[in-house]
Amino acid sequence: MAVRRICKYGEKILSKKTAKADYKAIKDKLPSILEDMFDTMRAVKGLGLAANQIGLDLNLAVLEVPDEKKTVTLVIMNPVIVEKSGELYEDEGCLSFPGLFAKIKRYSSVTVRALNEKGLPIEIKGEGLLAKALQHEIDHLNGITFLDRLPLMTRLKLKPTLIKLKSRWKKIDETKSVPKMM
């Protein structure tokens, strides 16, 4: 359908916990919302996108994560991490912080319960990159950005850089930099 503008660092919606998704209430609009979310995520070569990143106060995210054998494509509504184990400490980026990367500590394995695009309950077991992507998107839905996971001193040192980048990021509009999709 359409590529949407991605909310950037400093926009209030990114630091607010999203409203629980009521499948019955959004069922008719959901296919076009999901199509826009996937189009937007793919246009900027992301692995995941939370609804609040495109300005929607909705507990909903999409993911498309490459695996050794295939690409895992998921829709998760009202996701909850029910099991977690292990540890990863790797570079992570975010579509709401274009071009910025930081080493973040995450669980290496998670189990998530959610509803899928049909409103049916699902359970996803993710390891490695999929586990990291699930945690990242669930954090977004809870009003947490990946930078909130950094130690306080690192965040304080990064603040001047973020202030400079914030003015650049405000000018980025994904709807204008990507060819229109049919």
N, C-alpha and C. Protein backbone atom coordinates (compact mmCIF):
# COMPACT_ATOMS: atom_id res chain seq x y z
N MET A 1 0.83 -1.19 0.00
CA MET A 1 0.00 0.00 0.00
C MET A 1 0.88 1.26 0.00
N ALA A 2 1.59 1.48 1.17
CA ALA A 2 2.34 2.74 1.24
C ALA A 2 3.49 2.64 2.23
N VAL A 3 4.53 3.38 1.92
CA VAL A 3 5.64 3.53 2.85
C VAL A 3 5.27 4.72 3.74
N ARG A 4 5.39 4.54 5.04
CA ARG A 4 5.05 5.59 5.99
C ARG A 4 6.32 6.21 6.58
N ARG A 5 6.18 7.42 7.08
CA ARG A 5 7.28 8.09 7.76
C ARG A 5 7.54 7.38 9.08
N ILE A 6 8.80 7.18 9.41
CA ILE A 6 9.18 6.53 10.66
C ILE A 6 9.47 7.62 11.70
N CYS A 7 8.87 7.48 12.88
CA CYS A 7 9.11 8.42 13.98
C CYS A 7 10.55 8.28 14.43
N LYS A 8 11.17 9.40 14.75
CA LYS A 8 12.58 9.42 15.12
C LYS A 8 12.76 9.80 16.59
N TYR A 9 13.99 9.61 17.04
CA TYR A 9 14.39 9.94 18.41
C TYR A 9 13.84 11.30 18.83
N GLY A 10 13.25 11.34 20.01
CA GLY A 10 12.71 12.59 20.54
C GLY A 10 11.20 12.72 20.38
N GLU A 11 10.60 11.94 19.49
CA GLU A 11 9.15 12.00 19.33
C GLU A 11 8.50 11.21 20.47
N LYS A 12 7.53 11.84 21.12
CA LYS A 12 6.93 11.31 22.35
C LYS A 12 6.36 9.90 22.21
N ILE A 13 5.82 9.57 21.06
CA ILE A 13 5.18 8.27 20.89
C ILE A 13 6.17 7.11 21.10
N LEU A 14 7.46 7.36 20.88
CA LEU A 14 8.46 6.31 21.05
C LEU A 14 8.74 5.99 22.52
N SER A 15 8.40 6.91 23.41
CA SER A 15 8.67 6.67 24.84
C SER A 15 7.39 6.37 25.62
N LYS A 16 6.32 6.08 24.91
CA LYS A 16 5.02 5.80 25.54
C LYS A 16 4.65 4.32 25.30
N LYS A 17 4.19 3.66 26.36
CA LYS A 17 3.71 2.28 26.22
C LYS A 17 2.47 2.29 25.32
N THR A 18 2.45 1.39 24.35
CA THR A 18 1.33 1.36 23.39
C THR A 18 0.08 0.73 23.98
N ALA A 19 -1.05 1.09 23.40
CA ALA A 19 -2.35 0.54 23.82
C ALA A 19 -2.49 -0.90 23.34
N LYS A 20 -3.07 -1.73 24.18
CA LYS A 20 -3.30 -3.13 23.82
C LYS A 20 -4.15 -3.19 22.56
N ALA A 21 -3.78 -4.07 21.64
CA ALA A 21 -4.53 -4.21 20.39
C ALA A 21 -5.78 -5.06 20.62
N ASP A 22 -6.92 -4.54 20.20
CA ASP A 22 -8.19 -5.27 20.28
C ASP A 22 -8.46 -5.79 18.86
N TYR A 23 -8.18 -7.07 18.65
CA TYR A 23 -8.27 -7.64 17.31
C TYR A 23 -9.63 -7.38 16.66
N LYS A 24 -10.71 -7.59 17.37
CA LYS A 24 -12.05 -7.40 16.79
C LYS A 24 -12.26 -5.96 16.34
N ALA A 25 -11.73 -5.02 17.10
CA ALA A 25 -11.91 -3.60 16.77
C ALA A 25 -11.09 -3.16 15.56
N ILE A 26 -9.93 -3.81 15.34
CA ILE A 26 -9.05 -3.38 14.25
C ILE A 26 -9.03 -4.35 13.06
N LYS A 27 -9.79 -5.43 13.17
CA LYS A 27 -9.77 -6.51 12.17
C LYS A 27 -9.90 -6.00 10.72
N ASP A 28 -10.80 -5.09 10.47
CA ASP A 28 -11.01 -4.60 9.10
C ASP A 28 -9.86 -3.72 8.59
N LYS A 29 -9.23 -2.96 9.51
CA LYS A 29 -8.14 -2.07 9.13
C LYS A 29 -6.79 -2.78 9.14
N LEU A 30 -6.71 -3.92 9.83
CA LEU A 30 -5.43 -4.59 10.05
C LEU A 30 -4.67 -4.94 8.77
N PRO A 31 -5.31 -5.51 7.74
CA PRO A 31 -4.54 -5.84 6.53
C PRO A 31 -3.81 -4.64 5.92
N SER A 32 -4.45 -3.47 5.86
CA SER A 32 -3.78 -2.31 5.27
C SER A 32 -2.71 -1.77 6.21
N ILE A 33 -2.93 -1.83 7.53
CA ILE A 33 -1.90 -1.40 8.49
C ILE A 33 -0.68 -2.28 8.33
N LEU A 34 -0.89 -3.59 8.29
CA LEU A 34 0.23 -4.53 8.16
C LEU A 34 0.96 -4.36 6.84
N GLU A 35 0.22 -4.14 5.78
CA GLU A 35 0.86 -3.93 4.47
C GLU A 35 1.74 -2.69 4.50
N ASP A 36 1.24 -1.61 5.10
CA ASP A 36 2.04 -0.38 5.23
C ASP A 36 3.28 -0.63 6.09
N MET A 37 3.11 -1.38 7.18
CA MET A 37 4.24 -1.65 8.07
C MET A 37 5.31 -2.47 7.36
N PHE A 38 4.90 -3.52 6.66
CA PHE A 38 5.88 -4.34 5.92
C PHE A 38 6.53 -3.54 4.80
N ASP A 39 5.74 -2.74 4.06
CA ASP A 39 6.30 -1.92 2.99
C ASP A 39 7.34 -0.95 3.54
N THR A 40 7.03 -0.32 4.67
CA THR A 40 7.94 0.65 5.28
C THR A 40 9.21 -0.04 5.75
N MET A 41 9.05 -1.14 6.47
CA MET A 41 10.21 -1.87 7.00
C MET A 41 11.12 -2.35 5.87
N ARG A 42 10.53 -2.90 4.83
CA ARG A 42 11.32 -3.42 3.70
C ARG A 42 11.99 -2.29 2.92
N ALA A 43 11.31 -1.16 2.79
CA ALA A 43 11.86 -0.03 2.02
C ALA A 43 13.15 0.49 2.64
N VAL A 44 13.26 0.40 3.97
CA VAL A 44 14.46 0.90 4.65
C VAL A 44 15.35 -0.25 5.14
N LYS A 45 15.04 -1.46 4.65
CA LYS A 45 15.84 -2.66 4.93
C LYS A 45 15.96 -2.97 6.42
N GLY A 46 14.83 -2.85 7.13
CA GLY A 46 14.79 -3.17 8.55
C GLY A 46 14.45 -4.63 8.77
N LEU A 47 14.65 -5.08 10.00
CA LEU A 47 14.29 -6.45 10.40
C LEU A 47 12.97 -6.49 11.15
N GLY A 48 12.57 -5.34 11.67
CA GLY A 48 11.33 -5.27 12.43
C GLY A 48 10.85 -3.84 12.49
N LEU A 49 9.55 -3.70 12.80
CA LEU A 49 8.95 -2.37 12.91
C LEU A 49 7.76 -2.47 13.86
N ALA A 50 7.75 -1.61 14.87
CA ALA A 50 6.64 -1.53 15.80
C ALA A 50 5.67 -0.46 15.32
N ALA A 51 4.38 -0.65 15.62
CA ALA A 51 3.35 0.29 15.15
C ALA A 51 3.62 1.72 15.61
N ASN A 52 4.13 1.90 16.82
CA ASN A 52 4.38 3.26 17.29
C ASN A 52 5.51 3.94 16.51
N GLN A 53 6.33 3.17 15.82
CA GLN A 53 7.38 3.78 14.99
C GLN A 53 6.80 4.46 13.75
N ILE A 54 5.56 4.13 13.41
CA ILE A 54 4.90 4.85 12.30
C ILE A 54 3.72 5.67 12.84
N GLY A 55 3.77 5.97 14.14
CA GLY A 55 2.80 6.88 14.72
C GLY A 55 1.51 6.26 15.22
N LEU A 56 1.42 4.94 15.25
CA LEU A 56 0.19 4.28 15.71
C LEU A 56 0.33 3.81 17.15
N ASP A 57 -0.60 4.20 18.00
CA ASP A 57 -0.62 3.77 19.40
C ASP A 57 -1.32 2.41 19.46
N LEU A 58 -0.56 1.39 19.10
CA LEU A 58 -1.12 0.05 18.95
C LEU A 58 -0.04 -0.98 19.28
N ASN A 59 -0.36 -1.96 20.10
CA ASN A 59 0.61 -2.98 20.52
C ASN A 59 0.72 -4.04 19.41
N LEU A 60 1.46 -3.69 18.38
CA LEU A 60 1.56 -4.49 17.17
C LEU A 60 2.93 -4.28 16.54
N ALA A 61 3.56 -5.36 16.10
CA ALA A 61 4.85 -5.25 15.41
C ALA A 61 4.94 -6.29 14.31
N VAL A 62 5.80 -5.99 13.33
CA VAL A 62 6.09 -6.94 12.25
C VAL A 62 7.59 -7.20 12.27
N LEU A 63 7.96 -8.42 11.87
CA LEU A 63 9.38 -8.79 11.80
C LEU A 63 9.61 -9.62 10.55
N GLU A 64 10.80 -9.47 10.00
CA GLU A 64 11.24 -10.28 8.88
C GLU A 64 12.74 -10.50 9.08
N VAL A 65 13.06 -11.66 9.65
CA VAL A 65 14.42 -11.93 10.10
C VAL A 65 15.01 -13.11 9.33
N PRO A 66 16.15 -12.89 8.65
CA PRO A 66 16.78 -14.00 7.92
C PRO A 66 17.36 -15.04 8.88
N ASP A 67 17.19 -16.29 8.51
CA ASP A 67 17.70 -17.43 9.27
C ASP A 67 18.65 -18.18 8.34
N GLU A 68 19.35 -19.20 8.83
CA GLU A 68 20.24 -19.96 7.95
C GLU A 68 19.48 -20.61 6.79
N LYS A 69 18.26 -21.06 7.07
CA LYS A 69 17.50 -21.80 6.06
C LYS A 69 16.48 -20.95 5.30
N LYS A 70 15.85 -20.00 6.02
CA LYS A 70 14.78 -19.20 5.41
C LYS A 70 14.65 -17.87 6.14
N THR A 71 13.72 -17.06 5.70
CA THR A 71 13.41 -15.81 6.38
C THR A 71 12.15 -16.02 7.21
N VAL A 72 12.21 -15.62 8.49
CA VAL A 72 11.07 -15.75 9.39
C VAL A 72 10.29 -14.44 9.33
N THR A 73 9.03 -14.52 8.89
CA THR A 73 8.15 -13.36 8.80
C THR A 73 7.06 -13.51 9.85
N LEU A 74 6.92 -12.49 10.70
CA LEU A 74 5.98 -12.57 11.82
C LEU A 74 5.17 -11.30 11.99
N VAL A 75 3.94 -11.48 12.47
CA VAL A 75 3.11 -10.39 12.96
C VAL A 75 2.85 -10.74 14.41
N ILE A 76 3.12 -9.80 15.33
CA ILE A 76 2.85 -10.06 16.74
C ILE A 76 2.03 -8.93 17.34
N MET A 77 0.89 -9.32 17.92
CA MET A 77 0.02 -8.37 18.61
C MET A 77 0.06 -8.71 20.09
N ASN A 78 0.19 -7.69 20.92
CA ASN A 78 0.20 -7.85 22.38
C ASN A 78 1.22 -8.90 22.83
N PRO A 79 2.44 -8.84 22.32
CA PRO A 79 3.43 -9.87 22.66
C PRO A 79 3.93 -9.76 24.10
N VAL A 80 4.24 -10.92 24.67
CA VAL A 80 4.79 -11.00 26.02
C VAL A 80 5.91 -12.03 26.00
N ILE A 81 7.06 -11.67 26.58
CA ILE A 81 8.15 -12.64 26.71
C ILE A 81 7.84 -13.50 27.93
N VAL A 82 7.74 -14.82 27.70
CA VAL A 82 7.39 -15.73 28.80
C VAL A 82 8.58 -16.56 29.28
N GLU A 83 9.61 -16.67 28.45
CA GLU A 83 10.84 -17.36 28.85
C GLU A 83 12.02 -16.64 28.22
N LYS A 84 13.13 -16.61 28.96
CA LYS A 84 14.34 -15.97 28.45
C LYS A 84 15.55 -16.63 29.08
N SER A 85 16.62 -16.72 28.28
CA SER A 85 17.85 -17.32 28.80
C SER A 85 19.03 -16.89 27.95
N GLY A 86 20.22 -17.12 28.49
CA GLY A 86 21.45 -16.80 27.77
C GLY A 86 21.68 -15.31 27.66
N GLU A 87 22.77 -14.98 26.98
CA GLU A 87 23.14 -13.57 26.85
C GLU A 87 23.82 -13.31 25.52
N LEU A 88 23.44 -12.19 24.92
CA LEU A 88 24.09 -11.67 23.71
C LEU A 88 24.56 -10.26 24.05
N TYR A 89 25.69 -9.88 23.51
CA TYR A 89 26.16 -8.51 23.64
C TYR A 89 26.69 -8.12 22.27
N GLU A 90 25.81 -7.50 21.48
CA GLU A 90 26.13 -7.24 20.07
C GLU A 90 25.67 -5.84 19.66
N ASP A 91 26.21 -5.40 18.51
CA ASP A 91 25.76 -4.14 17.94
C ASP A 91 24.29 -4.24 17.57
N GLU A 92 23.59 -3.14 17.79
CA GLU A 92 22.17 -3.09 17.46
C GLU A 92 21.89 -1.70 16.91
N GLY A 93 20.99 -1.65 15.97
CA GLY A 93 20.57 -0.37 15.40
C GLY A 93 19.06 -0.28 15.47
N CYS A 94 18.52 0.84 14.98
CA CYS A 94 17.08 1.05 15.05
C CYS A 94 16.66 2.01 13.94
N LEU A 95 15.52 1.74 13.34
CA LEU A 95 15.02 2.60 12.26
C LEU A 95 14.66 4.00 12.77
N SER A 96 14.43 4.14 14.06
CA SER A 96 14.12 5.44 14.65
C SER A 96 15.38 6.23 15.01
N PHE A 97 16.55 5.61 14.82
CA PHE A 97 17.85 6.24 15.06
C PHE A 97 18.73 5.92 13.85
N PRO A 98 18.39 6.43 12.66
CA PRO A 98 19.08 6.03 11.43
C PRO A 98 20.61 6.16 11.50
N GLY A 99 21.28 5.05 11.22
CA GLY A 99 22.74 5.06 11.15
C GLY A 99 23.46 4.95 12.49
N LEU A 100 22.72 4.93 13.59
CA LEU A 100 23.34 4.84 14.92
C LEU A 100 23.32 3.39 15.40
N PHE A 101 24.47 2.92 15.87
CA PHE A 101 24.57 1.55 16.38
C PHE A 101 25.26 1.59 17.73
N ALA A 102 24.87 0.64 18.60
CA ALA A 102 25.49 0.54 19.93
C ALA A 102 25.44 -0.91 20.37
N LYS A 103 26.42 -1.31 21.19
CA LYS A 103 26.44 -2.66 21.75
C LYS A 103 25.40 -2.73 22.86
N ILE A 104 24.47 -3.68 22.72
CA ILE A 104 23.37 -3.83 23.66
C ILE A 104 23.37 -5.27 24.20
N LYS A 105 23.07 -5.40 25.48
CA LYS A 105 22.96 -6.72 26.09
C LYS A 105 21.51 -7.20 25.97
N ARG A 106 21.34 -8.39 25.43
CA ARG A 106 20.02 -9.00 25.25
C ARG A 106 20.09 -10.47 25.67
N TYR A 107 18.93 -11.09 25.80
CA TYR A 107 18.88 -12.54 26.01
C TYR A 107 19.14 -13.22 24.66
N SER A 108 19.84 -14.35 24.69
CA SER A 108 20.14 -15.04 23.43
C SER A 108 18.99 -15.94 22.99
N SER A 109 18.07 -16.22 23.90
CA SER A 109 16.93 -17.08 23.58
C SER A 109 15.69 -16.57 24.32
N VAL A 110 14.58 -16.43 23.59
CA VAL A 110 13.32 -16.00 24.21
C VAL A 110 12.15 -16.80 23.64
N THR A 111 11.12 -16.92 24.46
CA THR A 111 9.85 -17.47 24.01
C THR A 111 8.82 -16.37 24.20
N VAL A 112 8.07 -16.09 23.13
CA VAL A 112 7.11 -14.99 23.12
C VAL A 112 5.72 -15.55 22.82
N ARG A 113 4.75 -15.08 23.59
CA ARG A 113 3.35 -15.38 23.30
C ARG A 113 2.70 -14.10 22.79
N ALA A 114 1.89 -14.26 21.75
CA ALA A 114 1.25 -13.10 21.12
C ALA A 114 0.04 -13.58 20.34
N LEU A 115 -0.61 -12.65 19.67
CA LEU A 115 -1.65 -12.98 18.70
C LEU A 115 -1.05 -12.72 17.33
N ASN A 116 -1.46 -13.52 16.33
CA ASN A 116 -0.99 -13.30 14.97
C ASN A 116 -1.96 -12.39 14.22
N GLU A 117 -1.75 -12.23 12.93
CA GLU A 117 -2.57 -11.33 12.11
C GLU A 117 -4.02 -11.79 11.99
N LYS A 118 -4.32 -13.02 12.39
CA LYS A 118 -5.70 -13.54 12.37
C LYS A 118 -6.33 -13.49 13.76
N GLY A 119 -5.61 -12.92 14.72
CA GLY A 119 -6.12 -12.83 16.08
C GLY A 119 -5.98 -14.13 16.86
N LEU A 120 -5.19 -15.07 16.33
CA LEU A 120 -5.01 -16.36 16.98
C LEU A 120 -3.75 -16.36 17.85
N PRO A 121 -3.80 -17.05 18.99
CA PRO A 121 -2.62 -17.11 19.86
C PRO A 121 -1.49 -17.91 19.21
N ILE A 122 -0.27 -17.39 19.35
CA ILE A 122 0.91 -18.07 18.83
C ILE A 122 2.00 -18.04 19.90
N GLU A 123 2.95 -18.96 19.77
CA GLU A 123 4.12 -18.96 20.64
C GLU A 123 5.33 -19.07 19.72
N ILE A 124 6.27 -18.16 19.90
CA ILE A 124 7.46 -18.11 19.06
C ILE A 124 8.68 -18.36 19.94
N LYS A 125 9.51 -19.29 19.53
CA LYS A 125 10.79 -19.51 20.21
C LYS A 125 11.87 -18.93 19.30
N GLY A 126 12.56 -17.94 19.80
CA GLY A 126 13.59 -17.30 18.99
C GLY A 126 14.95 -17.39 19.65
N GLU A 127 15.96 -17.58 18.79
CA GLU A 127 17.33 -17.60 19.27
C GLU A 127 18.15 -16.66 18.40
N GLY A 128 19.26 -16.16 18.94
CA GLY A 128 20.16 -15.31 18.18
C GLY A 128 19.48 -14.06 17.67
N LEU A 129 19.61 -13.82 16.36
CA LEU A 129 19.08 -12.60 15.75
C LEU A 129 17.57 -12.47 15.92
N LEU A 130 16.83 -13.57 15.80
CA LEU A 130 15.38 -13.51 15.98
C LEU A 130 15.04 -13.13 17.42
N ALA A 131 15.75 -13.69 18.39
CA ALA A 131 15.52 -13.35 19.81
C ALA A 131 15.79 -11.86 20.03
N LYS A 132 16.88 -11.37 19.45
CA LYS A 132 17.24 -9.96 19.59
C LYS A 132 16.17 -9.06 18.96
N ALA A 133 15.70 -9.41 17.77
CA ALA A 133 14.68 -8.61 17.08
C ALA A 133 13.36 -8.61 17.85
N LEU A 134 12.97 -9.77 18.38
CA LEU A 134 11.73 -9.84 19.17
C LEU A 134 11.83 -8.92 20.39
N GLN A 135 12.94 -8.98 21.11
CA GLN A 135 13.12 -8.14 22.29
C GLN A 135 13.11 -6.66 21.92
N HIS A 136 13.76 -6.32 20.81
CA HIS A 136 13.84 -4.93 20.35
C HIS A 136 12.43 -4.38 20.07
N GLU A 137 11.63 -5.15 19.32
CA GLU A 137 10.28 -4.67 18.96
C GLU A 137 9.35 -4.64 20.17
N ILE A 138 9.46 -5.62 21.05
CA ILE A 138 8.63 -5.62 22.26
C ILE A 138 9.01 -4.43 23.14
N ASP A 139 10.30 -4.12 23.21
CA ASP A 139 10.72 -2.92 23.93
C ASP A 139 10.03 -1.68 23.35
N HIS A 140 10.03 -1.54 22.03
CA HIS A 140 9.37 -0.39 21.40
C HIS A 140 7.92 -0.29 21.87
N LEU A 141 7.22 -1.42 21.86
CA LEU A 141 5.81 -1.42 22.24
C LEU A 141 5.61 -1.02 23.70
N ASN A 142 6.66 -1.17 24.50
CA ASN A 142 6.61 -0.78 25.91
C ASN A 142 7.23 0.59 26.15
N GLY A 143 7.51 1.33 25.08
CA GLY A 143 8.05 2.68 25.20
C GLY A 143 9.53 2.74 25.54
N ILE A 144 10.25 1.65 25.23
CA ILE A 144 11.68 1.56 25.52
C ILE A 144 12.44 1.51 24.20
N THR A 145 13.44 2.38 24.05
CA THR A 145 14.29 2.31 22.85
C THR A 145 15.57 1.56 23.19
N PHE A 146 16.29 1.14 22.17
CA PHE A 146 17.51 0.38 22.41
C PHE A 146 18.54 1.19 23.20
N LEU A 147 18.51 2.51 23.07
CA LEU A 147 19.45 3.34 23.82
C LEU A 147 19.13 3.34 25.32
N ASP A 148 17.87 3.10 25.67
CA ASP A 148 17.50 3.00 27.08
C ASP A 148 18.16 1.79 27.75
N ARG A 149 18.63 0.85 26.95
CA ARG A 149 19.30 -0.36 27.45
C ARG A 149 20.79 -0.13 27.72
N LEU A 150 21.30 1.03 27.31
CA LEU A 150 22.71 1.34 27.54
C LEU A 150 22.94 1.76 28.99
N PRO A 151 24.14 1.54 29.51
CA PRO A 151 24.45 2.04 30.85
C PRO A 151 24.31 3.57 30.89
N LEU A 152 23.96 4.11 32.05
CA LEU A 152 23.73 5.54 32.21
C LEU A 152 24.90 6.39 31.73
N MET A 153 26.11 6.04 32.09
CA MET A 153 27.28 6.84 31.68
C MET A 153 27.43 6.87 30.16
N THR A 154 27.15 5.76 29.51
CA THR A 154 27.23 5.70 28.04
C THR A 154 26.16 6.61 27.43
N ARG A 155 24.95 6.58 28.00
CA ARG A 155 23.88 7.45 27.50
C ARG A 155 24.24 8.92 27.67
N LEU A 156 24.83 9.25 28.81
CA LEU A 156 25.21 10.65 29.06
C LEU A 156 26.29 11.11 28.08
N LYS A 157 27.26 10.24 27.80
CA LYS A 157 28.32 10.58 26.83
C LYS A 157 27.75 10.73 25.42
N LEU A 158 26.71 9.97 25.11
CA LEU A 158 26.10 9.97 23.78
C LEU A 158 25.16 11.16 23.55
N LYS A 159 24.71 11.79 24.62
CA LYS A 159 23.72 12.86 24.55
C LYS A 159 24.09 13.98 23.56
N PRO A 160 25.31 14.54 23.60
CA PRO A 160 25.64 15.61 22.64
C PRO A 160 25.53 15.15 21.18
N THR A 161 25.95 13.93 20.92
CA THR A 161 25.85 13.37 19.56
C THR A 161 24.38 13.24 19.16
N LEU A 162 23.55 12.76 20.08
CA LEU A 162 22.12 12.60 19.79
C LEU A 162 21.45 13.93 19.49
N ILE A 163 21.85 14.96 20.21
CA ILE A 163 21.27 16.29 19.97
C ILE A 163 21.60 16.76 18.55
N LYS A 164 22.84 16.55 18.11
CA LYS A 164 23.24 16.92 16.74
C LYS A 164 22.47 16.10 15.70
N LEU A 165 22.40 14.78 15.95
CA LEU A 165 21.73 13.89 14.99
C LEU A 165 20.22 14.14 14.93
N LYS A 166 19.64 14.53 16.04
CA LYS A 166 18.19 14.75 16.11
C LYS A 166 17.72 15.73 15.04
N SER A 167 18.47 16.82 14.83
CA SER A 167 18.07 17.80 13.82
C SER A 167 18.17 17.22 12.41
N ARG A 168 19.16 16.37 12.18
CA ARG A 168 19.29 15.70 10.87
C ARG A 168 18.15 14.70 10.67
N TRP A 169 17.87 13.93 11.71
CA TRP A 169 16.84 12.89 11.61
C TRP A 169 15.46 13.47 11.36
N LYS A 170 15.20 14.69 11.89
CA LYS A 170 13.89 15.32 11.69
C LYS A 170 13.60 15.52 10.21
N LYS A 171 14.66 15.71 9.43
CA LYS A 171 14.50 15.98 8.00
C LYS A 171 14.26 14.72 7.17
N ILE A 172 14.48 13.56 7.76
CA ILE A 172 14.33 12.30 7.02
C ILE A 172 12.85 11.92 6.95
N ASP A 173 12.37 11.75 5.75
CA ASP A 173 11.00 11.32 5.51
C ASP A 173 11.04 10.16 4.53
N GLU A 174 10.85 8.97 5.05
CA GLU A 174 10.95 7.75 4.24
C GLU A 174 9.96 7.73 3.08
N THR A 175 8.85 8.44 3.21
CA THR A 175 7.84 8.45 2.14
C THR A 175 8.35 9.18 0.90
N LYS A 176 9.34 10.05 1.08
CA LYS A 176 9.86 10.83 -0.06
C LYS A 176 11.13 10.25 -0.64
N SER A 177 11.82 9.40 0.14
CA SER A 177 13.11 8.89 -0.33
C SER A 177 13.01 7.50 -0.95
N VAL A 178 11.81 6.97 -0.99
CA VAL A 178 11.61 5.61 -1.48
C VAL A 178 10.65 5.65 -2.66
N PRO A 179 10.95 4.94 -3.73
CA PRO A 179 10.01 4.91 -4.85
C PRO A 179 8.66 4.37 -4.40
N LYS A 180 7.59 4.93 -4.95
CA LYS A 180 6.24 4.48 -4.60
C LYS A 180 6.07 3.01 -5.00
N MET A 181 5.43 2.26 -4.11
CA MET A 181 5.17 0.84 -4.38
C MET A 181 3.76 0.66 -4.89
N MET A 182 3.60 -0.29 -5.76
CA MET A 182 2.28 -0.55 -6.33
C MET A 182 1.50 -1.49 -5.45
